Amino acid sequence: MAVITRYIVVRNGIELEDVFEDKKDAEAYDKMLDAADRLSTFIKEEAATIDLAPEIIDALSVFLAKNGPEVSQILKGIKGPPAASAKPREKPAEKSAADQEKKTTSSDKNAGKRK
């Protein structure tokens, strides 16, 4: 008689159909489902202008999470839009007189060290 250990992922008190013989595979699957949950929440909250049924959003989220490495490679180097709360950058002409004084003072100190 053989003894076989199997791992079942349980989410929200419900046993999922997938059964794993390796603990690492079960944990990887659970992490993928966590990522899918976060993606689903993001899409539902942040992309409210997209009119998709919740079931489609969930299926899309699982698909993206399952293909995480490929999706990451595709999105690599893409920067999101600037944050709405970010302060606009100062133009050089808008710098205060105090900032200019600091630069002049530190330049004078450095010039004295060079002599």
PDB file of N, CA and C in Angstrom:
ATOM      1  N   MET A   1       0.850  -1.167   0.000  1.00  0.00           N
ATOM      2  CA  MET A   1       0.000   0.000   0.000  1.00  0.00           C
ATOM      3  C   MET A   1       0.900   1.235   0.000  1.00  0.00           C
ATOM      4  N   ALA A   2       0.531   2.242  -0.815  1.00  0.00           N
ATOM      5  CA  ALA A   2       1.307   3.478  -0.918  1.00  0.00           C
ATOM      6  C   ALA A   2       0.541   4.623  -0.271  1.00  0.00           C
ATOM      7  N   VAL A   3       1.292   5.507   0.327  1.00  0.00           N
ATOM      8  CA  VAL A   3       0.708   6.708   0.909  1.00  0.00           C
ATOM      9  C   VAL A   3       1.099   7.887   0.016  1.00  0.00           C
ATOM     10  N   ILE A   4       0.101   8.628  -0.419  1.00  0.00           N
ATOM     11  CA  ILE A   4       0.335   9.751  -1.317  1.00  0.00           C
ATOM     12  C   ILE A   4      -0.167  11.029  -0.643  1.00  0.00           C
ATOM     13  N   THR A   5       0.693  12.017  -0.620  1.00  0.00           N
ATOM     14  CA  THR A   5       0.304  13.304  -0.068  1.00  0.00           C
ATOM     15  C   THR A   5      -0.144  14.184  -1.220  1.00  0.00           C
ATOM     16  N   ARG A   6      -1.302  14.813  -1.054  1.00  0.00           N
ATOM     17  CA  ARG A   6      -1.823  15.719  -2.073  1.00  0.00           C
ATOM     18  C   ARG A   6      -2.175  17.041  -1.408  1.00  0.00           C
ATOM     19  N   TYR A   7      -1.973  18.103  -2.154  1.00  0.00           N
ATOM     20  CA  TYR A   7      -2.233  19.443  -1.651  1.00  0.00           C
ATOM     21  C   TYR A   7      -3.406  20.047  -2.400  1.00  0.00           C
ATOM     22  N   ILE A   8      -4.331  20.589  -1.636  1.00  0.00           N
ATOM     23  CA  ILE A   8      -5.524  21.211  -2.206  1.00  0.00           C
ATOM     24  C   ILE A   8      -5.541  22.660  -1.746  1.00  0.00           C
ATOM     25  N   VAL A   9      -5.731  23.566  -2.680  1.00  0.00           N
ATOM     26  CA  VAL A   9      -5.796  24.980  -2.351  1.00  0.00           C
ATOM     27  C   VAL A   9      -7.219  25.301  -1.903  1.00  0.00           C
ATOM     28  N   VAL A  10      -7.308  25.951  -0.737  1.00  0.00           N
ATOM     29  CA  VAL A  10      -8.603  26.351  -0.192  1.00  0.00           C
ATOM     30  C   VAL A  10      -8.637  27.876  -0.178  1.00  0.00           C
ATOM     31  N   ARG A  11      -9.665  28.436  -0.811  1.00  0.00           N
ATOM     32  CA  ARG A  11      -9.828  29.897  -0.843  1.00  0.00           C
ATOM     33  C   ARG A  11     -11.220  30.244  -0.359  1.00  0.00           C
ATOM     34  N   ASN A  12     -11.265  31.144   0.605  1.00  0.00           N
ATOM     35  CA  ASN A  12     -12.544  31.569   1.184  1.00  0.00           C
ATOM     36  C   ASN A  12     -13.362  30.383   1.694  1.00  0.00           C
ATOM     37  N   GLY A  13     -12.674  29.415   2.269  1.00  0.00           N
ATOM     38  CA  GLY A  13     -13.343  28.245   2.841  1.00  0.00           C
ATOM     39  C   GLY A  13     -13.810  27.232   1.814  1.00  0.00           C
ATOM     40  N   ILE A  14     -13.461  27.412   0.562  1.00  0.00           N
ATOM     41  CA  ILE A  14     -13.901  26.506  -0.498  1.00  0.00           C
ATOM     42  C   ILE A  14     -12.687  25.788  -1.075  1.00  0.00           C
ATOM     43  N   GLU A  15     -12.762  24.460  -1.139  1.00  0.00           N
ATOM     44  CA  GLU A  15     -11.689  23.678  -1.748  1.00  0.00           C
ATOM     45  C   GLU A  15     -11.789  23.796  -3.260  1.00  0.00           C
ATOM     46  N   LEU A  16     -10.687  24.164  -3.869  1.00  0.00           N
ATOM     47  CA  LEU A  16     -10.667  24.260  -5.319  1.00  0.00           C
ATOM     48  C   LEU A  16     -10.457  22.884  -5.930  1.00  0.00           C
ATOM     49  N   GLU A  17     -10.831  22.738  -7.179  1.00  0.00           N
ATOM     50  CA  GLU A  17     -10.764  21.439  -7.846  1.00  0.00           C
ATOM     51  C   GLU A  17      -9.347  20.970  -8.105  1.00  0.00           C
ATOM     52  N   ASP A  18      -8.420  21.910  -8.246  1.00  0.00           N
ATOM     53  CA  ASP A  18      -7.052  21.538  -8.568  1.00  0.00           C
ATOM     54  C   ASP A  18      -6.385  20.855  -7.379  1.00  0.00           C
ATOM     55  N   VAL A  19      -5.748  19.723  -7.647  1.00  0.00           N
ATOM     56  CA  VAL A  19      -5.031  18.954  -6.626  1.00  0.00           C
ATOM     57  C   VAL A  19      -3.570  18.875  -7.062  1.00  0.00           C
ATOM     58  N   PHE A  20      -2.674  19.107  -6.115  1.00  0.00           N
ATOM     59  CA  PHE A  20      -1.246  19.125  -6.419  1.00  0.00           C
ATOM     60  C   PHE A  20      -0.528  18.081  -5.581  1.00  0.00           C
ATOM     61  N   GLU A  21       0.467  17.463  -6.174  1.00  0.00           N
ATOM     62  CA  GLU A  21       1.273  16.494  -5.442  1.00  0.00           C
ATOM     63  C   GLU A  21       2.516  17.137  -4.859  1.00  0.00           C
ATOM     64  N   ASP A  22       2.816  18.345  -5.295  1.00  0.00           N
ATOM     65  CA  ASP A  22       3.986  19.067  -4.825  1.00  0.00           C
ATOM     66  C   ASP A  22       3.532  20.339  -4.110  1.00  0.00           C
ATOM     67  N   LYS A  23       4.033  20.549  -2.900  1.00  0.00           N
ATOM     68  CA  LYS A  23       3.635  21.701  -2.104  1.00  0.00           C
ATOM     69  C   LYS A  23       4.004  23.013  -2.803  1.00  0.00           C
ATOM     70  N   LYS A  24       5.178  23.062  -3.437  1.00  0.00           N
ATOM     71  CA  LYS A  24       5.607  24.274  -4.135  1.00  0.00           C
ATOM     72  C   LYS A  24       4.643  24.638  -5.264  1.00  0.00           C
ATOM     73  N   ASP A  25       4.152  23.644  -5.981  1.00  0.00           N
ATOM     74  CA  ASP A  25       3.194  23.899  -7.054  1.00  0.00           C
ATOM     75  C   ASP A  25       1.887  24.457  -6.487  1.00  0.00           C
ATOM     76  N   ALA A  26       1.433  23.912  -5.373  1.00  0.00           N
ATOM     77  CA  ALA A  26       0.198  24.389  -4.740  1.00  0.00           C
ATOM     78  C   ALA A  26       0.367  25.826  -4.255  1.00  0.00           C
ATOM     79  N   GLU A  27       1.522  26.128  -3.662  1.00  0.00           N
ATOM     80  CA  GLU A  27       1.772  27.488  -3.183  1.00  0.00           C
ATOM     81  C   GLU A  27       1.892  28.474  -4.345  1.00  0.00           C
ATOM     82  N   ALA A  28       2.523  28.044  -5.431  1.00  0.00           N
ATOM     83  CA  ALA A  28       2.640  28.903  -6.614  1.00  0.00           C
ATOM     84  C   ALA A  28       1.252  29.195  -7.195  1.00  0.00           C
ATOM     85  N   TYR A  29       0.400  28.190  -7.212  1.00  0.00           N
ATOM     86  CA  TYR A  29      -0.962  28.360  -7.706  1.00  0.00           C
ATOM     87  C   TYR A  29      -1.734  29.331  -6.816  1.00  0.00           C
ATOM     88  N   ASP A  30      -1.560  29.208  -5.510  1.00  0.00           N
ATOM     89  CA  ASP A  30      -2.224  30.096  -4.564  1.00  0.00           C
ATOM     90  C   ASP A  30      -1.750  31.543  -4.752  1.00  0.00           C
ATOM     91  N   LYS A  31      -0.453  31.730  -4.958  1.00  0.00           N
ATOM     92  CA  LYS A  31       0.082  33.075  -5.202  1.00  0.00           C
ATOM     93  C   LYS A  31      -0.466  33.652  -6.501  1.00  0.00           C
ATOM     94  N   MET A  32      -0.597  32.812  -7.517  1.00  0.00           N
ATOM     95  CA  MET A  32      -1.154  33.259  -8.789  1.00  0.00           C
ATOM     96  C   MET A  32      -2.604  33.710  -8.590  1.00  0.00           C
ATOM     97  N   LEU A  33      -3.360  32.978  -7.771  1.00  0.00           N
ATOM     98  CA  LEU A  33      -4.743  33.366  -7.498  1.00  0.00           C
ATOM     99  C   LEU A  33      -4.801  34.673  -6.707  1.00  0.00           C
ATOM    100  N   ASP A  34      -3.850  34.876  -5.791  1.00  0.00           N
ATOM    101  CA  ASP A  34      -3.776  36.151  -5.067  1.00  0.00           C
ATOM    102  C   ASP A  34      -3.538  37.302  -6.040  1.00  0.00           C
ATOM    103  N   ALA A  35      -2.618  37.098  -6.971  1.00  0.00           N
ATOM    104  CA  ALA A  35      -2.335  38.126  -7.974  1.00  0.00           C
ATOM    105  C   ALA A  35      -3.574  38.387  -8.830  1.00  0.00           C
ATOM    106  N   ALA A  36      -4.285  37.343  -9.182  1.00  0.00           N
ATOM    107  CA  ALA A  36      -5.508  37.497  -9.982  1.00  0.00           C
ATOM    108  C   ALA A  36      -6.551  38.296  -9.210  1.00  0.00           C
ATOM    109  N   ASP A  37      -6.662  38.056  -7.910  1.00  0.00           N
ATOM    110  CA  ASP A  37      -7.602  38.824  -7.086  1.00  0.00           C
ATOM    111  C   ASP A  37      -7.232  40.303  -7.076  1.00  0.00           C
ATOM    112  N   ARG A  38      -5.933  40.597  -6.935  1.00  0.00           N
ATOM    113  CA  ARG A  38      -5.491  41.992  -6.924  1.00  0.00           C
ATOM    114  C   ARG A  38      -5.728  42.647  -8.283  1.00  0.00           C
ATOM    115  N   LEU A  39      -5.462  41.910  -9.365  1.00  0.00           N
ATOM    116  CA  LEU A  39      -5.723  42.446 -10.706  1.00  0.00           C
ATOM    117  C   LEU A  39      -7.213  42.725 -10.904  1.00  0.00           C
ATOM    118  N   SER A  40      -8.034  41.808 -10.467  1.00  0.00           N
ATOM    119  CA  SER A  40      -9.475  41.965 -10.607  1.00  0.00           C
ATOM    120  C   SER A  40      -9.962  43.204  -9.858  1.00  0.00           C
ATOM    121  N   THR A  41      -9.488  43.373  -8.635  1.00  0.00           N
ATOM    122  CA  THR A  41      -9.858  44.549  -7.846  1.00  0.00           C
ATOM    123  C   THR A  41      -9.398  45.823  -8.543  1.00  0.00           C
ATOM    124  N   PHE A  42      -8.163  45.800  -9.040  1.00  0.00           N
ATOM    125  CA  PHE A  42      -7.624  46.966  -9.744  1.00  0.00           C
ATOM    126  C   PHE A  42      -8.478  47.315 -10.951  1.00  0.00           C
ATOM    127  N   ILE A  43      -8.800  46.330 -11.762  1.00  0.00           N
ATOM    128  CA  ILE A  43      -9.575  46.581 -12.974  1.00  0.00           C
ATOM    129  C   ILE A  43     -10.966  47.105 -12.615  1.00  0.00           C
ATOM    130  N   LYS A  44     -11.594  46.505 -11.624  1.00  0.00           N
ATOM    131  CA  LYS A  44     -12.948  46.929 -11.234  1.00  0.00           C
ATOM    132  C   LYS A  44     -12.963  48.341 -10.671  1.00  0.00           C
ATOM    133  N   GLU A  45     -11.935  48.702  -9.900  1.00  0.00           N
ATOM    134  CA  GLU A  45     -11.912  50.017  -9.259  1.00  0.00           C
ATOM    135  C   GLU A  45     -11.327  51.102 -10.154  1.00  0.00           C
ATOM    136  N   GLU A  46     -10.217  50.812 -10.808  1.00  0.00           N
ATOM    137  CA  GLU A  46      -9.486  51.832 -11.550  1.00  0.00           C
ATOM    138  C   GLU A  46      -9.953  51.995 -12.988  1.00  0.00           C
ATOM    139  N   ALA A  47     -10.488  50.960 -13.546  1.00  0.00           N
ATOM    140  CA  ALA A  47     -10.897  51.026 -14.950  1.00  0.00           C
ATOM    141  C   ALA A  47     -12.418  50.969 -15.053  1.00  0.00           C
ATOM    142  N   ALA A  48     -13.066  51.809 -14.257  1.00  0.00           N
ATOM    143  CA  ALA A  48     -14.523  51.810 -14.216  1.00  0.00           C
ATOM    144  C   ALA A  48     -15.138  52.195 -15.560  1.00  0.00           C
ATOM    145  N   THR A  49     -14.374  52.848 -16.413  1.00  0.00           N
ATOM    146  CA  THR A  49     -14.898  53.248 -17.714  1.00  0.00           C
ATOM    147  C   THR A  49     -15.017  52.068 -18.677  1.00  0.00           C
ATOM    148  N   ILE A  50     -14.376  50.951 -18.326  1.00  0.00           N
ATOM    149  CA  ILE A  50     -14.476  49.759 -19.165  1.00  0.00           C
ATOM    150  C   ILE A  50     -15.712  48.986 -18.723  1.00  0.00           C
ATOM    151  N   ASP A  51     -16.629  48.790 -19.633  1.00  0.00           N
ATOM    152  CA  ASP A  51     -17.884  48.133 -19.301  1.00  0.00           C
ATOM    153  C   ASP A  51     -17.765  46.634 -19.567  1.00  0.00           C
ATOM    154  N   LEU A  52     -17.293  45.909 -18.560  1.00  0.00           N
ATOM    155  CA  LEU A  52     -17.156  44.461 -18.663  1.00  0.00           C
ATOM    156  C   LEU A  52     -17.893  43.790 -17.513  1.00  0.00           C
ATOM    157  N   ALA A  53     -18.428  42.628 -17.805  1.00  0.00           N
ATOM    158  CA  ALA A  53     -19.099  41.859 -16.762  1.00  0.00           C
ATOM    159  C   ALA A  53     -18.065  41.383 -15.743  1.00  0.00           C
ATOM    160  N   PRO A  54     -18.440  41.310 -14.478  1.00  0.00           N
ATOM    161  CA  PRO A  54     -17.497  40.861 -13.443  1.00  0.00           C
ATOM    162  C   PRO A  54     -16.863  39.502 -13.744  1.00  0.00           C
ATOM    163  N   GLU A  55     -17.616  38.598 -14.375  1.00  0.00           N
ATOM    164  CA  GLU A  55     -17.078  37.278 -14.707  1.00  0.00           C
ATOM    165  C   GLU A  55     -15.954  37.391 -15.732  1.00  0.00           C
ATOM    166  N   ILE A  56     -16.103  38.311 -16.673  1.00  0.00           N
ATOM    167  CA  ILE A  56     -15.071  38.507 -17.690  1.00  0.00           C
ATOM    168  C   ILE A  56     -13.827  39.121 -17.056  1.00  0.00           C
ATOM    169  N   ILE A  57     -14.025  40.076 -16.157  1.00  0.00           N
ATOM    170  CA  ILE A  57     -12.891  40.688 -15.460  1.00  0.00           C
ATOM    171  C   ILE A  57     -12.143  39.633 -14.658  1.00  0.00           C
ATOM    172  N   ASP A  58     -12.880  38.763 -13.975  1.00  0.00           N
ATOM    173  CA  ASP A  58     -12.230  37.709 -13.188  1.00  0.00           C
ATOM    174  C   ASP A  58     -11.454  36.750 -14.083  1.00  0.00           C
ATOM    175  N   ALA A  59     -12.046  36.346 -15.211  1.00  0.00           N
ATOM    176  CA  ALA A  59     -11.364  35.435 -16.133  1.00  0.00           C
ATOM    177  C   ALA A  59     -10.122  36.098 -16.731  1.00  0.00           C
ATOM    178  N   LEU A  60     -10.236  37.369 -17.088  1.00  0.00           N
ATOM    179  CA  LEU A  60      -9.098  38.111 -17.628  1.00  0.00           C
ATOM    180  C   LEU A  60      -7.993  38.237 -16.581  1.00  0.00           C
ATOM    181  N   SER A  61      -8.366  38.480 -15.350  1.00  0.00           N
ATOM    182  CA  SER A  61      -7.388  38.604 -14.266  1.00  0.00           C
ATOM    183  C   SER A  61      -6.630  37.305 -14.037  1.00  0.00           C
ATOM    184  N   VAL A  62      -7.336  36.198 -14.062  1.00  0.00           N
ATOM    185  CA  VAL A  62      -6.684  34.891 -13.897  1.00  0.00           C
ATOM    186  C   VAL A  62      -5.754  34.631 -15.082  1.00  0.00           C
ATOM    187  N   PHE A  63      -6.202  34.945 -16.287  1.00  0.00           N
ATOM    188  CA  PHE A  63      -5.360  34.758 -17.466  1.00  0.00           C
ATOM    189  C   PHE A  63      -4.078  35.575 -17.358  1.00  0.00           C
ATOM    190  N   LEU A  64      -4.197  36.856 -16.980  1.00  0.00           N
ATOM    191  CA  LEU A  64      -3.021  37.711 -16.850  1.00  0.00           C
ATOM    192  C   LEU A  64      -2.087  37.208 -15.757  1.00  0.00           C
ATOM    193  N   ALA A  65      -2.653  36.766 -14.637  1.00  0.00           N
ATOM    194  CA  ALA A  65      -1.828  36.275 -13.535  1.00  0.00           C
ATOM    195  C   ALA A  65      -1.114  34.976 -13.927  1.00  0.00           C
ATOM    196  N   LYS A  66      -1.796  34.090 -14.634  1.00  0.00           N
ATOM    197  CA  LYS A  66      -1.171  32.833 -15.070  1.00  0.00           C
ATOM    198  C   LYS A  66      -0.008  33.100 -16.021  1.00  0.00           C
ATOM    199  N   ASN A  67      -0.124  34.159 -16.786  1.00  0.00           N
ATOM    200  CA  ASN A  67       0.899  34.509 -17.770  1.00  0.00           C
ATOM    201  C   ASN A  67       1.725  35.697 -17.307  1.00  0.00           C
ATOM    202  N   GLY A  68       1.906  35.807 -15.996  1.00  0.00           N
ATOM    203  CA  GLY A  68       2.605  36.930 -15.387  1.00  0.00           C
ATOM    204  C   GLY A  68       3.964  37.240 -15.983  1.00  0.00           C
ATOM    205  N   PRO A  69       4.850  36.248 -16.142  1.00  0.00           N
ATOM    206  CA  PRO A  69       6.171  36.564 -16.704  1.00  0.00           C
ATOM    207  C   PRO A  69       6.093  37.164 -18.107  1.00  0.00           C
ATOM    208  N   GLU A  70       5.219  36.630 -18.942  1.00  0.00           N
ATOM    209  CA  GLU A  70       5.083  37.152 -20.293  1.00  0.00           C
ATOM    210  C   GLU A  70       4.486  38.556 -20.274  1.00  0.00           C
ATOM    211  N   VAL A  71       3.480  38.765 -19.418  1.00  0.00           N
ATOM    212  CA  VAL A  71       2.853  40.082 -19.304  1.00  0.00           C
ATOM    213  C   VAL A  71       3.873  41.091 -18.788  1.00  0.00           C
ATOM    214  N   SER A  72       4.662  40.705 -17.805  1.00  0.00           N
ATOM    215  CA  SER A  72       5.697  41.601 -17.270  1.00  0.00           C
ATOM    216  C   SER A  72       6.698  41.974 -18.346  1.00  0.00           C
ATOM    217  N   GLN A  73       7.079  41.010 -19.162  1.00  0.00           N
ATOM    218  CA  GLN A  73       8.036  41.276 -20.237  1.00  0.00           C
ATOM    219  C   GLN A  73       7.449  42.252 -21.248  1.00  0.00           C
ATOM    220  N   ILE A  74       6.185  42.089 -21.560  1.00  0.00           N
ATOM    221  CA  ILE A  74       5.523  42.981 -22.518  1.00  0.00           C
ATOM    222  C   ILE A  74       5.449  44.397 -21.963  1.00  0.00           C
ATOM    223  N   LEU A  75       5.149  44.520 -20.670  1.00  0.00           N
ATOM    224  CA  LEU A  75       4.969  45.830 -20.052  1.00  0.00           C
ATOM    225  C   LEU A  75       6.267  46.441 -19.534  1.00  0.00           C
ATOM    226  N   LYS A  76       7.356  45.711 -19.653  1.00  0.00           N
ATOM    227  CA  LYS A  76       8.634  46.188 -19.135  1.00  0.00           C
ATOM    228  C   LYS A  76       8.987  47.535 -19.758  1.00  0.00           C
ATOM    229  N   GLY A  77       9.354  48.469 -18.919  1.00  0.00           N
ATOM    230  CA  GLY A  77       9.756  49.781 -19.395  1.00  0.00           C
ATOM    231  C   GLY A  77       8.614  50.761 -19.578  1.00  0.00           C
ATOM    232  N   ILE A  78       7.393  50.309 -19.398  1.00  0.00           N
ATOM    233  CA  ILE A  78       6.248  51.204 -19.527  1.00  0.00           C
ATOM    234  C   ILE A  78       6.071  51.934 -18.208  1.00  0.00           C
ATOM    235  N   LYS A  79       5.961  53.243 -18.290  1.00  0.00           N
ATOM    236  CA  LYS A  79       5.716  54.037 -17.091  1.00  0.00           C
ATOM    237  C   LYS A  79       4.276  54.506 -17.131  1.00  0.00           C
ATOM    238  N   GLY A  80       3.640  54.459 -15.979  1.00  0.00           N
ATOM    239  CA  GLY A  80       2.254  54.894 -15.892  1.00  0.00           C
ATOM    240  C   GLY A  80       2.143  56.400 -16.002  1.00  0.00           C
ATOM    241  N   PRO A  81       0.919  56.883 -16.067  1.00  0.00           N
ATOM    242  CA  PRO A  81       0.730  58.334 -16.131  1.00  0.00           C
ATOM    243  C   PRO A  81       1.181  58.971 -14.829  1.00  0.00           C
ATOM    244  N   PRO A  82       1.560  60.243 -14.859  1.00  0.00           N
ATOM    245  CA  PRO A  82       1.993  60.889 -13.625  1.00  0.00           C
ATOM    246  C   PRO A  82       0.850  60.920 -12.619  1.00  0.00           C
ATOM    247  N   ALA A  83       1.205  60.831 -11.360  1.00  0.00           N
ATOM    248  CA  ALA A  83       0.195  60.849 -10.306  1.00  0.00           C
ATOM    249  C   ALA A  83      -0.487  62.208 -10.283  1.00  0.00           C
ATOM    250  N   ALA A  84      -1.771  62.215 -10.050  1.00  0.00           N
ATOM    251  CA  ALA A  84      -2.533  63.459 -10.032  1.00  0.00           C
ATOM    252  C   ALA A  84      -2.104  64.369  -8.889  1.00  0.00           C
ATOM    253  N   SER A  85      -1.629  63.774  -7.808  1.00  0.00           N
ATOM    254  CA  SER A  85      -1.252  64.572  -6.651  1.00  0.00           C
ATOM    255  C   SER A  85       0.197  65.047  -6.711  1.00  0.00           C
ATOM    256  N   ALA A  86       0.910  64.638  -7.750  1.00  0.00           N
ATOM    257  CA  ALA A  86       2.315  65.034  -7.851  1.00  0.00           C
ATOM    258  C   ALA A  86       2.411  66.527  -8.110  1.00  0.00           C
ATOM    259  N   LYS A  87       3.403  67.159  -7.477  1.00  0.00           N
ATOM    260  CA  LYS A  87       3.614  68.590  -7.665  1.00  0.00           C
ATOM    261  C   LYS A  87       4.274  68.810  -9.014  1.00  0.00           C
ATOM    262  N   PRO A  88       3.869  69.858  -9.723  1.00  0.00           N
ATOM    263  CA  PRO A  88       4.543  70.146 -10.994  1.00  0.00           C
ATOM    264  C   PRO A  88       5.979  70.574 -10.721  1.00  0.00           C
ATOM    265  N   ARG A  89       6.845  70.250 -11.651  1.00  0.00           N
ATOM    266  CA  ARG A  89       8.248  70.606 -11.491  1.00  0.00           C
ATOM    267  C   ARG A  89       8.429  72.105 -11.626  1.00  0.00           C
ATOM    268  N   GLU A  90       9.370  72.630 -10.843  1.00  0.00           N
ATOM    269  CA  GLU A  90       9.686  74.049 -10.939  1.00  0.00           C
ATOM    270  C   GLU A  90      10.496  74.292 -12.194  1.00  0.00           C
ATOM    271  N   LYS A  91      10.206  75.366 -12.858  1.00  0.00           N
ATOM    272  CA  LYS A  91      11.035  75.781 -13.978  1.00  0.00           C
ATOM    273  C   LYS A  91      12.247  76.480 -13.388  1.00  0.00           C
ATOM    274  N   PRO A  92      13.398  76.443 -14.052  1.00  0.00           N
ATOM    275  CA  PRO A  92      14.592  77.084 -13.509  1.00  0.00           C
ATOM    276  C   PRO A  92      14.374  78.547 -13.159  1.00  0.00           C
ATOM    277  N   ALA A  93      13.578  79.286 -13.932  1.00  0.00           N
ATOM    278  CA  ALA A  93      13.361  80.706 -13.679  1.00  0.00           C
ATOM    279  C   ALA A  93      12.512  80.935 -12.436  1.00  0.00           C
ATOM    280  N   GLU A  94      11.766  79.880 -11.981  1.00  0.00           N
ATOM    281  CA  GLU A  94      10.877  80.034 -10.845  1.00  0.00           C
ATOM    282  C   GLU A  94      11.559  79.761  -9.510  1.00  0.00           C
ATOM    283  N   LYS A  95      12.820  79.432  -9.506  1.00  0.00           N
ATOM    284  CA  LYS A  95      13.500  79.134  -8.254  1.00  0.00           C
ATOM    285  C   LYS A  95      13.561  80.382  -7.395  1.00  0.00           C
ATOM    286  N   SER A  96      13.413  80.183  -6.125  1.00  0.00           N
ATOM    287  CA  SER A  96      13.373  81.321  -5.210  1.00  0.00           C
ATOM    288  C   SER A  96      14.749  81.955  -5.054  1.00  0.00           C
ATOM    289  N   ALA A  97      14.730  83.179  -4.558  1.00  0.00           N
ATOM    290  CA  ALA A  97      15.980  83.898  -4.306  1.00  0.00           C
ATOM    291  C   ALA A  97      16.798  83.184  -3.244  1.00  0.00           C
ATOM    292  N   ALA A  98      16.112  82.532  -2.285  1.00  0.00           N
ATOM    293  CA  ALA A  98      16.815  81.802  -1.230  1.00  0.00           C
ATOM    294  C   ALA A  98      17.597  80.633  -1.823  1.00  0.00           C
ATOM    295  N   ASP A  99      17.008  79.943  -2.791  1.00  0.00           N
ATOM    296  CA  ASP A  99      17.709  78.832  -3.437  1.00  0.00           C
ATOM    297  C   ASP A  99      18.941  79.339  -4.177  1.00  0.00           C
ATOM    298  N   GLN A 100      18.792  80.472  -4.850  1.00  0.00           N
ATOM    299  CA  GLN A 100      19.919  81.048  -5.568  1.00  0.00           C
ATOM    300  C   GLN A 100      21.025  81.452  -4.590  1.00  0.00           C
ATOM    301  N   GLU A 101      20.639  82.010  -3.418  1.00  0.00           N
ATOM    302  CA  GLU A 101      21.613  82.428  -2.406  1.00  0.00           C
ATOM    303  C   GLU A 101      22.383  81.225  -1.885  1.00  0.00           C
ATOM    304  N   LYS A 102      21.677  80.089  -1.660  1.00  0.00           N
ATOM    305  CA  LYS A 102      22.328  78.864  -1.184  1.00  0.00           C
ATOM    306  C   LYS A 102      23.387  78.407  -2.184  1.00  0.00           C
ATOM    307  N   LYS A 103      23.051  78.439  -3.465  1.00  0.00           N
ATOM    308  CA  LYS A 103      23.999  78.006  -4.492  1.00  0.00           C
ATOM    309  C   LYS A 103      25.220  78.916  -4.512  1.00  0.00           C
ATOM    310  N   THR A 104      24.990  80.210  -4.421  1.00  0.00           N
ATOM    311  CA  THR A 104      26.092  81.173  -4.448  1.00  0.00           C
ATOM    312  C   THR A 104      27.002  80.983  -3.249  1.00  0.00           C
ATOM    313  N   THR A 105      26.402  80.811  -2.067  1.00  0.00           N
ATOM    314  CA  THR A 105      27.177  80.630  -0.847  1.00  0.00           C
ATOM    315  C   THR A 105      28.006  79.358  -0.908  1.00  0.00           C
ATOM    316  N   SER A 106      27.398  78.244  -1.356  1.00  0.00           N
ATOM    317  CA  SER A 106      28.149  76.985  -1.425  1.00  0.00           C
ATOM    318  C   SER A 106      29.216  77.051  -2.500  1.00  0.00           C
ATOM    319  N   SER A 107      28.974  77.779  -3.586  1.00  0.00           N
ATOM    320  CA  SER A 107      29.986  77.932  -4.624  1.00  0.00           C
ATOM    321  C   SER A 107      31.176  78.730  -4.100  1.00  0.00           C
ATOM    322  N   ASP A 108      30.883  79.770  -3.316  1.00  0.00           N
ATOM    323  CA  ASP A 108      31.938  80.589  -2.744  1.00  0.00           C
ATOM    324  C   ASP A 108      32.808  79.765  -1.787  1.00  0.00           C
ATOM    325  N   LYS A 109      32.176  78.911  -0.988  1.00  0.00           N
ATOM    326  CA  LYS A 109      32.918  78.064  -0.043  1.00  0.00           C
ATOM    327  C   LYS A 109      33.818  77.084  -0.785  1.00  0.00           C
ATOM    328  N   ASN A 110      33.266  76.478  -1.858  1.00  0.00           N
ATOM    329  CA  ASN A 110      34.049  75.518  -2.634  1.00  0.00           C
ATOM    330  C   ASN A 110      35.188  76.209  -3.355  1.00  0.00           C
ATOM    331  N   ALA A 111      35.006  77.451  -3.785  1.00  0.00           N
ATOM    332  CA  ALA A 111      36.055  78.188  -4.479  1.00  0.00           C
ATOM    333  C   ALA A 111      37.202  78.474  -3.519  1.00  0.00           C
ATOM    334  N   GLY A 112      36.870  78.765  -2.268  1.00  0.00           N
ATOM    335  CA  GLY A 112      37.889  79.036  -1.269  1.00  0.00           C
ATOM    336  C   GLY A 112      38.720  77.803  -0.957  1.00  0.00           C
ATOM    337  N   LYS A 113      38.145  76.614  -1.036  1.00  0.00           N
ATOM    338  CA  LYS A 113      38.854  75.366  -0.757  1.00  0.00           C
ATOM    339  C   LYS A 113      39.838  75.040  -1.878  1.00  0.00           C
ATOM    340  N   ARG A 114      39.525  75.454  -3.096  1.00  0.00           N
ATOM    341  CA  ARG A 114      40.352  75.137  -4.244  1.00  0.00           C
ATOM    342  C   ARG A 114      41.667  75.913  -4.246  1.00  0.00           C
ATOM    343  N   LYS A 115      41.748  77.037  -3.569  1.00  0.00           N
ATOM    344  CA  LYS A 115      42.942  77.891  -3.597  1.00  0.00           C
ATOM    345  C   LYS A 115      44.085  77.321  -2.855  1.00  0.00           C
TER     346      LYS A 115
END
